[in-house]
Amino acid sequence: MELAAFLRKSRLLVSNDSGPMHLAAILNTPVVAIFRKSPPYVSSRRWGPVGSKNLVIENDSIARIEIDEVLNGIKKLLG
């Protein structure tokens, strides 16, 4: 309940594939989700957040995702 209340008051969540990511999406809190493209069973197409307020950043390796990509995603969602 505390996490849901915290996420509801948050302007945005940056997260990997996790329970809090899905909870934020359900609560209409924008999410910048970080995913690995492969293998297919961990991809954002299968496990990404639902809703139109979310942005997925993915690469073949999470280590290859640049900080600027995440910051640009945050700026895009926050307007």
PDB file of N, CA and C in Angstrom:
ATOM      1  N   MET A   1       0.826  -1.187   0.000  1.00  0.00           N
ATOM      2  CA  MET A   1       0.000   0.000   0.000  1.00  0.00           C
ATOM      3  C   MET A   1       0.880   1.265   0.000  1.00  0.00           C
ATOM      4  N   GLU A   2       1.972   1.206   0.760  1.00  0.00           N
ATOM      5  CA  GLU A   2       2.860   2.370   0.816  1.00  0.00           C
ATOM      6  C   GLU A   2       3.518   2.635  -0.532  1.00  0.00           C
ATOM      7  N   LEU A   3       3.946   1.578  -1.202  1.00  0.00           N
ATOM      8  CA  LEU A   3       4.565   1.755  -2.514  1.00  0.00           C
ATOM      9  C   LEU A   3       3.559   2.321  -3.509  1.00  0.00           C
ATOM     10  N   ALA A   4       2.345   1.826  -3.489  1.00  0.00           N
ATOM     11  CA  ALA A   4       1.311   2.346  -4.389  1.00  0.00           C
ATOM     12  C   ALA A   4       1.052   3.823  -4.120  1.00  0.00           C
ATOM     13  N   ALA A   5       0.986   4.215  -2.873  1.00  0.00           N
ATOM     14  CA  ALA A   5       0.774   5.622  -2.532  1.00  0.00           C
ATOM     15  C   ALA A   5       1.954   6.474  -2.997  1.00  0.00           C
ATOM     16  N   PHE A   6       3.160   5.971  -2.815  1.00  0.00           N
ATOM     17  CA  PHE A   6       4.359   6.691  -3.254  1.00  0.00           C
ATOM     18  C   PHE A   6       4.363   6.851  -4.774  1.00  0.00           C
ATOM     19  N   LEU A   7       4.076   5.775  -5.501  1.00  0.00           N
ATOM     20  CA  LEU A   7       4.072   5.833  -6.968  1.00  0.00           C
ATOM     21  C   LEU A   7       2.959   6.726  -7.500  1.00  0.00           C
ATOM     22  N   ARG A   8       1.832   6.731  -6.829  1.00  0.00           N
ATOM     23  CA  ARG A   8       0.714   7.581  -7.258  1.00  0.00           C
ATOM     24  C   ARG A   8       1.086   9.062  -7.160  1.00  0.00           C
ATOM     25  N   LYS A   9       1.904   9.421  -6.181  1.00  0.00           N
ATOM     26  CA  LYS A   9       2.318  10.812  -5.998  1.00  0.00           C
ATOM     27  C   LYS A   9       3.540  11.185  -6.839  1.00  0.00           C
ATOM     28  N   SER A  10       4.194  10.184  -7.412  1.00  0.00           N
ATOM     29  CA  SER A  10       5.417  10.420  -8.188  1.00  0.00           C
ATOM     30  C   SER A  10       5.092  10.978  -9.561  1.00  0.00           C
ATOM     31  N   ARG A  11       5.986  11.803 -10.086  1.00  0.00           N
ATOM     32  CA  ARG A  11       5.821  12.342 -11.434  1.00  0.00           C
ATOM     33  C   ARG A  11       6.273  11.351 -12.486  1.00  0.00           C
ATOM     34  N   LEU A  12       7.188  10.421 -12.111  1.00  0.00           N
ATOM     35  CA  LEU A  12       7.768   9.500 -13.080  1.00  0.00           C
ATOM     36  C   LEU A  12       8.544   8.421 -12.337  1.00  0.00           C
ATOM     37  N   LEU A  13       8.635   7.244 -12.953  1.00  0.00           N
ATOM     38  CA  LEU A  13       9.465   6.172 -12.417  1.00  0.00           C
ATOM     39  C   LEU A  13      10.428   5.715 -13.503  1.00  0.00           C
ATOM     40  N   VAL A  14      11.711   5.588 -13.163  1.00  0.00           N
ATOM     41  CA  VAL A  14      12.708   4.980 -14.045  1.00  0.00           C
ATOM     42  C   VAL A  14      13.012   3.619 -13.431  1.00  0.00           C
ATOM     43  N   SER A  15      12.830   2.565 -14.227  1.00  0.00           N
ATOM     44  CA  SER A  15      12.952   1.229 -13.662  1.00  0.00           C
ATOM     45  C   SER A  15      13.301   0.205 -14.728  1.00  0.00           C
ATOM     46  N   ASN A  16      13.849  -0.888 -14.285  1.00  0.00           N
ATOM     47  CA  ASN A  16      13.966  -2.043 -15.152  1.00  0.00           C
ATOM     48  C   ASN A  16      12.655  -2.823 -15.043  1.00  0.00           C
ATOM     49  N   ASP A  17      12.601  -3.999 -15.660  1.00  0.00           N
ATOM     50  CA  ASP A  17      11.407  -4.843 -15.589  1.00  0.00           C
ATOM     51  C   ASP A  17      11.242  -5.302 -14.145  1.00  0.00           C
ATOM     52  N   SER A  18      10.199  -4.810 -13.502  1.00  0.00           N
ATOM     53  CA  SER A  18      10.007  -5.115 -12.083  1.00  0.00           C
ATOM     54  C   SER A  18       8.549  -4.912 -11.698  1.00  0.00           C
ATOM     55  N   GLY A  19       8.204  -5.388 -10.535  1.00  0.00           N
ATOM     56  CA  GLY A  19       6.855  -5.184 -10.019  1.00  0.00           C
ATOM     57  C   GLY A  19       6.507  -3.713  -9.876  1.00  0.00           C
ATOM     58  N   PRO A  20       7.398  -2.886  -9.304  1.00  0.00           N
ATOM     59  CA  PRO A  20       7.088  -1.459  -9.203  1.00  0.00           C
ATOM     60  C   PRO A  20       6.838  -0.800 -10.567  1.00  0.00           C
ATOM     61  N   MET A  21       7.532  -1.251 -11.607  1.00  0.00           N
ATOM     62  CA  MET A  21       7.299  -0.705 -12.949  1.00  0.00           C
ATOM     63  C   MET A  21       5.859  -0.967 -13.382  1.00  0.00           C
ATOM     64  N   HIS A  22       5.382  -2.185 -13.191  1.00  0.00           N
ATOM     65  CA  HIS A  22       4.020  -2.529 -13.588  1.00  0.00           C
ATOM     66  C   HIS A  22       2.995  -1.807 -12.715  1.00  0.00           C
ATOM     67  N   LEU A  23       3.275  -1.687 -11.435  1.00  0.00           N
ATOM     68  CA  LEU A  23       2.373  -0.980 -10.536  1.00  0.00           C
ATOM     69  C   LEU A  23       2.263   0.492 -10.929  1.00  0.00           C
ATOM     70  N   ALA A  24       3.380   1.122 -11.228  1.00  0.00           N
ATOM     71  CA  ALA A  24       3.357   2.526 -11.657  1.00  0.00           C
ATOM     72  C   ALA A  24       2.531   2.681 -12.928  1.00  0.00           C
ATOM     73  N   ALA A  25       2.717   1.779 -13.886  1.00  0.00           N
ATOM     74  CA  ALA A  25       1.959   1.855 -15.139  1.00  0.00           C
ATOM     75  C   ALA A  25       0.460   1.729 -14.880  1.00  0.00           C
ATOM     76  N   ILE A  26       0.077   0.839 -14.007  1.00  0.00           N
ATOM     77  CA  ILE A  26      -1.338   0.667 -13.667  1.00  0.00           C
ATOM     78  C   ILE A  26      -1.890   1.920 -13.007  1.00  0.00           C
ATOM     79  N   LEU A  27      -1.069   2.618 -12.235  1.00  0.00           N
ATOM     80  CA  LEU A  27      -1.495   3.830 -11.532  1.00  0.00           C
ATOM     81  C   LEU A  27      -1.389   5.085 -12.395  1.00  0.00           C
ATOM     82  N   ASN A  28      -1.048   4.911 -13.686  1.00  0.00           N
ATOM     83  CA  ASN A  28      -0.887   6.014 -14.635  1.00  0.00           C
ATOM     84  C   ASN A  28       0.263   6.952 -14.297  1.00  0.00           C
ATOM     85  N   THR A  29       1.244   6.439 -13.580  1.00  0.00           N
ATOM     86  CA  THR A  29       2.481   7.182 -13.368  1.00  0.00           C
ATOM     87  C   THR A  29       3.392   6.861 -14.544  1.00  0.00           C
ATOM     88  N   PRO A  30       3.870   7.867 -15.270  1.00  0.00           N
ATOM     89  CA  PRO A  30       4.737   7.598 -16.420  1.00  0.00           C
ATOM     90  C   PRO A  30       5.966   6.783 -16.026  1.00  0.00           C
ATOM     91  N   VAL A  31       6.359   5.877 -16.926  1.00  0.00           N
ATOM     92  CA  VAL A  31       7.486   4.990 -16.666  1.00  0.00           C
ATOM     93  C   VAL A  31       8.488   5.065 -17.810  1.00  0.00           C
ATOM     94  N   VAL A  32       9.762   5.239 -17.467  1.00  0.00           N
ATOM     95  CA  VAL A  32      10.851   5.011 -18.407  1.00  0.00           C
ATOM     96  C   VAL A  32      11.388   3.640 -18.024  1.00  0.00           C
ATOM     97  N   ALA A  33      11.119   2.657 -18.883  1.00  0.00           N
ATOM     98  CA  ALA A  33      11.472   1.272 -18.593  1.00  0.00           C
ATOM     99  C   ALA A  33      12.726   0.884 -19.369  1.00  0.00           C
ATOM    100  N   ILE A  34      13.645   0.232 -18.688  1.00  0.00           N
ATOM    101  CA  ILE A  34      14.910  -0.170 -19.283  1.00  0.00           C
ATOM    102  C   ILE A  34      14.888  -1.688 -19.478  1.00  0.00           C
ATOM    103  N   PHE A  35      15.084  -2.096 -20.741  1.00  0.00           N
ATOM    104  CA  PHE A  35      14.998  -3.509 -21.093  1.00  0.00           C
ATOM    105  C   PHE A  35      16.156  -3.958 -21.954  1.00  0.00           C
ATOM    106  N   ARG A  36      16.392  -5.231 -21.931  1.00  0.00           N
ATOM    107  CA  ARG A  36      17.295  -5.905 -22.850  1.00  0.00           C
ATOM    108  C   ARG A  36      16.449  -6.459 -23.992  1.00  0.00           C
ATOM    109  N   LYS A  37      16.901  -6.312 -25.241  1.00  0.00           N
ATOM    110  CA  LYS A  37      16.118  -6.752 -26.403  1.00  0.00           C
ATOM    111  C   LYS A  37      16.025  -8.266 -26.534  1.00  0.00           C
ATOM    112  N   SER A  38      17.042  -8.952 -26.143  1.00  0.00           N
ATOM    113  CA  SER A  38      17.030 -10.391 -26.349  1.00  0.00           C
ATOM    114  C   SER A  38      17.602 -11.078 -25.123  1.00  0.00           C
ATOM    115  N   PRO A  39      17.283 -12.279 -24.870  1.00  0.00           N
ATOM    116  CA  PRO A  39      16.426 -13.159 -25.635  1.00  0.00           C
ATOM    117  C   PRO A  39      14.970 -12.722 -25.557  1.00  0.00           C
ATOM    118  N   PRO A  40      14.138 -13.216 -26.496  1.00  0.00           N
ATOM    119  CA  PRO A  40      12.749 -12.751 -26.597  1.00  0.00           C
ATOM    120  C   PRO A  40      11.933 -12.894 -25.308  1.00  0.00           C
ATOM    121  N   TYR A  41      12.267 -13.843 -24.476  1.00  0.00           N
ATOM    122  CA  TYR A  41      11.459 -14.050 -23.271  1.00  0.00           C
ATOM    123  C   TYR A  41      11.692 -12.982 -22.208  1.00  0.00           C
ATOM    124  N   VAL A  42      12.641 -12.064 -22.418  1.00  0.00           N
ATOM    125  CA  VAL A  42      12.816 -10.942 -21.491  1.00  0.00           C
ATOM    126  C   VAL A  42      12.581  -9.598 -22.173  1.00  0.00           C
ATOM    127  N   SER A  43      12.086  -9.608 -23.387  1.00  0.00           N
ATOM    128  CA  SER A  43      11.948  -8.367 -24.157  1.00  0.00           C
ATOM    129  C   SER A  43      10.765  -7.518 -23.684  1.00  0.00           C
ATOM    130  N   SER A  44      10.811  -6.260 -24.037  1.00  0.00           N
ATOM    131  CA  SER A  44       9.746  -5.330 -23.651  1.00  0.00           C
ATOM    132  C   SER A  44       8.438  -5.636 -24.377  1.00  0.00           C
ATOM    133  N   ARG A  45       8.521  -6.267 -25.546  1.00  0.00           N
ATOM    134  CA  ARG A  45       7.276  -6.614 -26.257  1.00  0.00           C
ATOM    135  C   ARG A  45       6.422  -7.561 -25.434  1.00  0.00           C
ATOM    136  N   ARG A  46       7.092  -8.396 -24.688  1.00  0.00           N
ATOM    137  CA  ARG A  46       6.361  -9.360 -23.874  1.00  0.00           C
ATOM    138  C   ARG A  46       6.092  -8.837 -22.465  1.00  0.00           C
ATOM    139  N   TRP A  47       7.049  -8.138 -21.888  1.00  0.00           N
ATOM    140  CA  TRP A  47       6.980  -7.778 -20.476  1.00  0.00           C
ATOM    141  C   TRP A  47       6.991  -6.275 -20.193  1.00  0.00           C
ATOM    142  N   GLY A  48       6.865  -5.450 -21.220  1.00  0.00           N
ATOM    143  CA  GLY A  48       6.924  -4.007 -21.026  1.00  0.00           C
ATOM    144  C   GLY A  48       5.705  -3.449 -20.318  1.00  0.00           C
ATOM    145  N   PRO A  49       5.789  -2.216 -19.856  1.00  0.00           N
ATOM    146  CA  PRO A  49       4.657  -1.589 -19.170  1.00  0.00           C
ATOM    147  C   PRO A  49       3.530  -1.296 -20.153  1.00  0.00           C
ATOM    148  N   VAL A  50       2.299  -1.409 -19.679  1.00  0.00           N
ATOM    149  CA  VAL A  50       1.139  -1.112 -20.514  1.00  0.00           C
ATOM    150  C   VAL A  50       0.764   0.357 -20.378  1.00  0.00           C
ATOM    151  N   GLY A  51       0.165   0.897 -21.414  1.00  0.00           N
ATOM    152  CA  GLY A  51      -0.290   2.280 -21.361  1.00  0.00           C
ATOM    153  C   GLY A  51       0.503   3.177 -22.282  1.00  0.00           C
ATOM    154  N   SER A  52      -0.066   4.335 -22.539  1.00  0.00           N
ATOM    155  CA  SER A  52       0.545   5.261 -23.496  1.00  0.00           C
ATOM    156  C   SER A  52       1.503   6.256 -22.846  1.00  0.00           C
ATOM    157  N   LYS A  53       1.560   6.309 -21.529  1.00  0.00           N
ATOM    158  CA  LYS A  53       2.415   7.275 -20.837  1.00  0.00           C
ATOM    159  C   LYS A  53       3.820   6.741 -20.575  1.00  0.00           C
ATOM    160  N   ASN A  54       4.151   5.625 -21.202  1.00  0.00           N
ATOM    161  CA  ASN A  54       5.407   4.957 -20.884  1.00  0.00           C
ATOM    162  C   ASN A  54       6.353   4.964 -22.071  1.00  0.00           C
ATOM    163  N   LEU A  55       7.638   4.879 -21.769  1.00  0.00           N
ATOM    164  CA  LEU A  55       8.664   4.854 -22.789  1.00  0.00           C
ATOM    165  C   LEU A  55       9.628   3.723 -22.459  1.00  0.00           C
ATOM    166  N   VAL A  56       9.899   2.888 -23.440  1.00  0.00           N
ATOM    167  CA  VAL A  56      10.824   1.783 -23.249  1.00  0.00           C
ATOM    168  C   VAL A  56      12.142   2.120 -23.934  1.00  0.00           C
ATOM    169  N   ILE A  57      13.220   1.931 -23.212  1.00  0.00           N
ATOM    170  CA  ILE A  57      14.565   2.071 -23.765  1.00  0.00           C
ATOM    171  C   ILE A  57      15.180   0.687 -23.704  1.00  0.00           C
ATOM    172  N   GLU A  58      15.597   0.195 -24.876  1.00  0.00           N
ATOM    173  CA  GLU A  58      16.154  -1.155 -24.880  1.00  0.00           C
ATOM    174  C   GLU A  58      17.356  -1.252 -25.801  1.00  0.00           C
ATOM    175  N   ASN A  59      18.196  -2.209 -25.475  1.00  0.00           N
ATOM    176  CA  ASN A  59      19.393  -2.477 -26.257  1.00  0.00           C
ATOM    177  C   ASN A  59      19.710  -3.955 -26.083  1.00  0.00           C
ATOM    178  N   ASP A  60      20.599  -4.484 -26.903  1.00  0.00           N
ATOM    179  CA  ASP A  60      20.984  -5.885 -26.773  1.00  0.00           C
ATOM    180  C   ASP A  60      21.614  -6.179 -25.420  1.00  0.00           C
ATOM    181  N   SER A  61      22.215  -5.166 -24.826  1.00  0.00           N
ATOM    182  CA  SER A  61      22.817  -5.286 -23.509  1.00  0.00           C
ATOM    183  C   SER A  61      22.420  -4.054 -22.694  1.00  0.00           C
ATOM    184  N   ILE A  62      21.972  -4.276 -21.485  1.00  0.00           N
ATOM    185  CA  ILE A  62      21.608  -3.146 -20.623  1.00  0.00           C
ATOM    186  C   ILE A  62      22.810  -2.229 -20.410  1.00  0.00           C
ATOM    187  N   ALA A  63      24.002  -2.800 -20.383  1.00  0.00           N
ATOM    188  CA  ALA A  63      25.223  -2.005 -20.189  1.00  0.00           C
ATOM    189  C   ALA A  63      25.454  -1.020 -21.329  1.00  0.00           C
ATOM    190  N   ARG A  64      24.843  -1.258 -22.479  1.00  0.00           N
ATOM    191  CA  ARG A  64      25.012  -0.365 -23.625  1.00  0.00           C
ATOM    192  C   ARG A  64      24.004   0.781 -23.652  1.00  0.00           C
ATOM    193  N   ILE A  65      23.091   0.800 -22.733  1.00  0.00           N
ATOM    194  CA  ILE A  65      22.127   1.905 -22.659  1.00  0.00           C
ATOM    195  C   ILE A  65      22.840   3.095 -22.030  1.00  0.00           C
ATOM    196  N   GLU A  66      22.827   4.198 -22.749  1.00  0.00           N
ATOM    197  CA  GLU A  66      23.536   5.395 -22.303  1.00  0.00           C
ATOM    198  C   GLU A  66      22.664   6.222 -21.356  1.00  0.00           C
ATOM    199  N   ILE A  67      23.299   6.904 -20.440  1.00  0.00           N
ATOM    200  CA  ILE A  67      22.597   7.777 -19.496  1.00  0.00           C
ATOM    201  C   ILE A  67      21.800   8.836 -20.251  1.00  0.00           C
ATOM    202  N   ASP A  68      22.364   9.361 -21.327  1.00  0.00           N
ATOM    203  CA  ASP A  68      21.654  10.383 -22.109  1.00  0.00           C
ATOM    204  C   ASP A  68      20.355   9.852 -22.692  1.00  0.00           C
ATOM    205  N   GLU A  69      20.305   8.579 -23.063  1.00  0.00           N
ATOM    206  CA  GLU A  69      19.067   7.991 -23.571  1.00  0.00           C
ATOM    207  C   GLU A  69      17.986   8.029 -22.498  1.00  0.00           C
ATOM    208  N   VAL A  70      18.382   7.684 -21.281  1.00  0.00           N
ATOM    209  CA  VAL A  70      17.431   7.676 -20.171  1.00  0.00           C
ATOM    210  C   VAL A  70      16.997   9.107 -19.849  1.00  0.00           C
ATOM    211  N   LEU A  71      17.952  10.035 -19.784  1.00  0.00           N
ATOM    212  CA  LEU A  71      17.611  11.434 -19.501  1.00  0.00           C
ATOM    213  C   LEU A  71      16.688  12.020 -20.577  1.00  0.00           C
ATOM    214  N   ASN A  72      16.937  11.694 -21.844  1.00  0.00           N
ATOM    215  CA  ASN A  72      16.064  12.171 -22.912  1.00  0.00           C
ATOM    216  C   ASN A  72      14.667  11.576 -22.784  1.00  0.00           C
ATOM    217  N   GLY A  73      14.581  10.324 -22.356  1.00  0.00           N
ATOM    218  CA  GLY A  73      13.280   9.710 -22.127  1.00  0.00           C
ATOM    219  C   GLY A  73      12.524  10.403 -21.001  1.00  0.00           C
ATOM    220  N   ILE A  74      13.239  10.747 -19.946  1.00  0.00           N
ATOM    221  CA  ILE A  74      12.628  11.461 -18.819  1.00  0.00           C
ATOM    222  C   ILE A  74      12.105  12.815 -19.297  1.00  0.00           C
ATOM    223  N   LYS A  75      12.927  13.542 -20.029  1.00  0.00           N
ATOM    224  CA  LYS A  75      12.519  14.863 -20.540  1.00  0.00           C
ATOM    225  C   LYS A  75      11.304  14.734 -21.445  1.00  0.00           C
ATOM    226  N   LYS A  76      11.281  13.725 -22.279  1.00  0.00           N
ATOM    227  CA  LYS A  76      10.164  13.534 -23.214  1.00  0.00           C
ATOM    228  C   LYS A  76       8.859  13.286 -22.445  1.00  0.00           C
ATOM    229  N   LEU A  77       8.907  12.443 -21.436  1.00  0.00           N
ATOM    230  CA  LEU A  77       7.683  12.134 -20.694  1.00  0.00           C
ATOM    231  C   LEU A  77       7.232  13.260 -19.784  1.00  0.00           C
ATOM    232  N   LEU A  78       8.171  14.022 -19.261  1.00  0.00           N
ATOM    233  CA  LEU A  78       7.787  15.111 -18.366  1.00  0.00           C
ATOM    234  C   LEU A  78       7.450  16.400 -19.132  1.00  0.00           C
ATOM    235  N   GLY A  79       7.785  16.406 -20.418  1.00  0.00           N
ATOM    236  CA  GLY A  79       7.454  17.572 -21.263  1.00  0.00           C
ATOM    237  C   GLY A  79       8.319  18.716 -20.948  1.00  0.00           C
TER     238      GLY A  79
END
